[in-house]
Protein backbone atom coordinates (compact mmCIF):
# COMPACT_ATOMS: atom_id res chain seq x y z
CA UNK A 1 11.04 3.61 25.42
CA UNK A 2 11.06 0.27 24.58
CA UNK A 3 7.73 0.53 22.34
CA UNK A 4 9.15 3.81 20.03
CA UNK A 5 12.44 1.75 20.00
CA UNK A 6 10.64 -0.55 17.73
CA UNK A 7 8.65 1.60 16.18
CA UNK A 8 11.53 3.92 15.16
CA UNK A 9 13.43 0.47 13.93
CA UNK A 10 10.67 -0.78 12.29
CA UNK A 11 9.01 2.54 10.32
CA UNK A 12 11.00 1.72 7.11
CA UNK A 13 8.20 -1.86 7.14
CA UNK A 14 5.60 0.04 7.74
CA UNK A 15 5.92 2.51 6.01
CA UNK A 16 7.48 1.03 2.56
CA UNK A 17 4.89 -1.76 2.98
CA UNK A 18 1.67 0.30 3.34
CA UNK A 19 2.47 2.73 1.04
CA UNK A 20 3.33 0.39 -1.51
CA UNK A 21 -0.17 -1.51 -0.40
CA UNK A 22 -1.98 1.24 -1.56
CA UNK A 23 -0.42 3.01 -4.32
CA UNK A 24 -0.77 -0.57 -6.15
CA UNK A 25 -3.77 -1.71 -5.22
CA UNK A 26 -5.38 2.00 -5.88
CA UNK A 27 -3.22 2.13 -9.30
CA UNK A 28 -5.57 -1.39 -10.11
CA UNK A 29 -8.29 0.08 -8.65
CA UNK A 30 -7.71 3.74 -10.92
CA UNK A 31 -6.83 1.83 -14.12
CA UNK A 32 -9.59 -0.21 -13.90
CA UNK A 33 -11.41 2.89 -13.62
CA UNK A 34 -9.98 4.64 -16.41
CA UNK A 35 -10.13 1.68 -18.53
CA UNK A 36 -13.79 1.96 -17.95
CA UNK A 37 -13.84 -2.13 -17.17
CA UNK A 38 -16.52 -3.41 -14.78
CA UNK A 39 -15.55 -2.96 -11.21
CA UNK A 40 -15.44 -6.37 -10.56
CA UNK A 41 -12.08 -6.34 -12.24
CA UNK A 42 -11.14 -3.89 -9.55
CA UNK A 43 -11.87 -6.85 -6.64
CA UNK A 44 -10.42 -9.79 -8.94
CA UNK A 45 -7.02 -7.82 -9.42
CA UNK A 46 -6.76 -5.95 -6.37
CA UNK A 47 -6.93 -9.05 -4.45
CA UNK A 48 -5.07 -10.39 -6.04
CA UNK A 49 -2.54 -8.16 -5.61
CA UNK A 50 -2.81 -7.31 -2.29
CA UNK A 51 -2.45 -10.87 -1.36
CA UNK A 52 0.38 -11.78 -3.84
CA UNK A 53 2.23 -8.45 -4.05
CA UNK A 54 2.31 -8.24 -0.18
CA UNK A 55 3.84 -11.84 0.56
CA UNK A 56 5.85 -10.77 -2.63
CA UNK A 57 7.81 -7.61 -0.64
CA UNK A 58 7.54 -9.95 2.53
CA UNK A 59 9.64 -12.26 1.07
CA UNK A 60 12.32 -9.77 -0.78
CA UNK A 61 12.71 -8.41 2.87
CA UNK A 62 13.27 -11.68 4.94
CA UNK A 63 15.98 -12.58 1.87
CA UNK A 64 17.46 -8.65 1.87
CA UNK A 65 17.55 -8.85 5.56
CA UNK A 66 19.16 -12.07 5.12
CA UNK A 67 21.48 -10.94 3.35
CA UNK A 68 22.84 -7.85 4.89
CA UNK A 69 23.03 -10.27 8.17
CA UNK A 70 25.69 -12.10 6.11
CA UNK A 71 27.59 -9.23 4.57
CA UNK A 72 28.24 -8.51 8.07
CA UNK A 73 29.26 -12.20 9.28
CA UNK A 74 26.78 -14.27 10.89
CA UNK A 75 24.18 -12.61 12.82
CA UNK A 76 24.65 -9.98 15.34
CA UNK A 77 25.59 -10.37 19.15
CA UNK A 78 22.19 -8.15 20.37
CA UNK A 79 18.73 -8.16 19.16
CA UNK A 80 18.67 -4.58 19.11
CA UNK A 81 21.62 -4.21 16.86
CA UNK A 82 19.83 -5.10 14.03
CA UNK A 83 16.78 -6.00 12.69
CA UNK A 84 14.88 -9.72 12.50
CA UNK A 85 14.26 -10.81 9.30
CA UNK A 86 10.70 -12.99 10.19
CA UNK A 87 9.80 -9.02 12.03
CA UNK A 88 10.62 -7.54 9.14
CA UNK A 89 8.78 -9.77 6.32
CA UNK A 90 5.80 -9.56 8.73
CA UNK A 91 5.92 -6.47 9.45
CA UNK A 92 5.70 -5.16 5.72
CA UNK A 93 3.33 -7.92 5.10
CA UNK A 94 0.79 -6.86 7.19
CA UNK A 95 1.41 -2.40 6.49
CA UNK A 96 0.95 -3.64 2.61
CA UNK A 97 -2.11 -6.26 3.10
CA UNK A 98 -4.30 -4.37 5.93
CA UNK A 99 -3.52 -0.50 4.22
CA UNK A 100 -3.32 -1.91 1.01
CA UNK A 101 -6.78 -3.23 1.53
CA UNK A 102 -8.54 -0.05 1.34
CA UNK A 103 -8.51 1.49 -1.51
CA UNK A 104 -11.18 -1.90 -2.48
CA UNK A 105 -13.04 -1.06 0.61
CA UNK A 106 -16.42 0.77 -1.44
CA UNK A 107 -16.09 -2.28 -4.24
CA UNK A 108 -16.43 -4.75 -1.65
CA UNK A 109 -18.88 -2.87 0.30
CA UNK A 110 -21.21 -2.19 -3.02
CA UNK A 111 -22.08 -5.67 -3.34
CA UNK A 112 -23.96 -5.16 0.16
CA UNK A 113 -25.01 -1.92 -0.56
CA UNK A 114 -25.99 -1.13 -3.70
CA UNK A 115 -26.19 2.37 -3.67
CA UNK A 116 -22.68 3.12 -3.30
CA UNK A 117 -21.95 2.09 -7.31
CA UNK A 118 -22.06 5.19 -8.23
CA UNK A 119 -19.96 7.14 -5.49
CA UNK A 120 -17.56 3.80 -5.17
CA UNK A 121 -14.64 5.35 -7.00
CA UNK A 122 -14.59 8.60 -5.36
CA UNK A 123 -15.29 6.92 -1.37
CA UNK A 124 -12.37 5.26 -3.16
CA UNK A 125 -10.40 7.93 -3.51
CA UNK A 126 -11.06 9.67 -0.59
CA UNK A 127 -10.02 6.30 1.56
CA UNK A 128 -7.15 6.13 -0.34
CA UNK A 129 -6.01 10.24 0.49
CA UNK A 130 -6.62 9.19 4.32
CA UNK A 131 -4.83 6.33 4.24
CA UNK A 132 -1.53 8.72 2.13
CA UNK A 133 -2.22 10.57 5.64
CA UNK A 134 -2.00 8.93 8.11
CA UNK A 135 0.83 7.18 6.75
CA UNK A 136 2.79 10.25 6.16
CA UNK A 137 1.71 11.43 9.82
CA UNK A 138 2.42 7.87 11.68
CA UNK A 139 5.98 8.47 9.89
CA UNK A 140 6.18 12.13 11.16
CA UNK A 141 5.36 11.38 14.66
CA UNK A 142 7.75 8.22 14.94
CA UNK A 143 10.42 10.86 13.37
CA UNK A 144 9.81 13.52 15.56
CA UNK A 145 9.06 15.33 11.98
CA UNK A 146 6.54 17.60 10.82
CA UNK A 147 3.95 15.18 10.54
CA UNK A 148 1.73 17.34 9.16
CA UNK A 149 4.31 18.07 6.20
CA UNK A 150 5.20 14.57 6.24
CA UNK A 151 1.31 14.28 5.60
CA UNK A 152 1.04 16.25 3.11
CA UNK A 153 4.03 14.82 1.12
CA UNK A 154 2.88 11.04 1.37
CA UNK A 155 -0.85 12.23 -0.04
CA UNK A 156 1.12 14.13 -2.82
CA UNK A 157 3.50 10.84 -3.86
CA UNK A 158 0.73 8.56 -3.37
CA UNK A 159 -1.80 10.99 -5.65
CA UNK A 160 0.39 11.53 -8.18
CA UNK A 161 0.84 7.04 -8.50
CA UNK A 162 -2.37 7.23 -9.25
CA UNK A 163 -2.96 9.75 -10.92
CA UNK A 164 -0.23 8.22 -13.52
CA UNK A 165 -2.42 4.75 -13.49
CA UNK A 166 -5.59 6.32 -14.47
CA UNK A 167 -4.01 8.25 -17.21
CA UNK A 168 -2.62 4.96 -18.37
CA UNK A 169 -6.32 3.03 -17.78
CA UNK A 170 -7.65 6.23 -19.79
CA UNK A 171 -6.05 6.78 -23.18
CA UNK A 172 -5.66 2.54 -23.31
CA UNK A 173 -8.88 1.37 -22.51
CA UNK A 174 -9.89 1.08 -26.13
CA UNK A 175 -7.62 -1.48 -26.40
CA UNK A 176 -10.12 -3.19 -24.22
CA UNK A 177 -13.70 -2.52 -25.54
CA UNK A 178 -16.42 -4.38 -25.11
CA UNK A 179 -15.22 -5.49 -21.72
CA UNK A 180 -17.07 -3.37 -19.38
CA UNK A 181 -20.49 -3.51 -18.28
């Protein structure tokens, strides 16, 4: 019971961090691939994004939670009434980084397994799709709503963001001519 209460209480931070981490990281992956840039650029930009944007989101979450509590004239009487700002920040950061790293896995593994280089973008697509499905399913289970519908909704939204990024990279690829390997 206590675990369910905690998971419900911090579900928004998990979903927000995990989806944003996955979307923004895969947006970098698909934009770089769409622009026909070197796969090593995926890792540089992707890792910078996962860590810096994850920290930025966690910091913003912390400050927003503190601001909300200040608006309510001080700290809550019970720790179960409101979220702890440090916990919300930590959950946001951990979900952003851990799930947001998934689209980068094939590009990192390609350094050790050169045979996957030709399919690394395809693997990234598949792993990212599974990440979106997993996030949506967790959301559906915790909220006691249809996990399959929630998973498909999350996949659709994440897929749209990825498609936009790929198309931007594809149409702007001429701006960075000569950079790819």
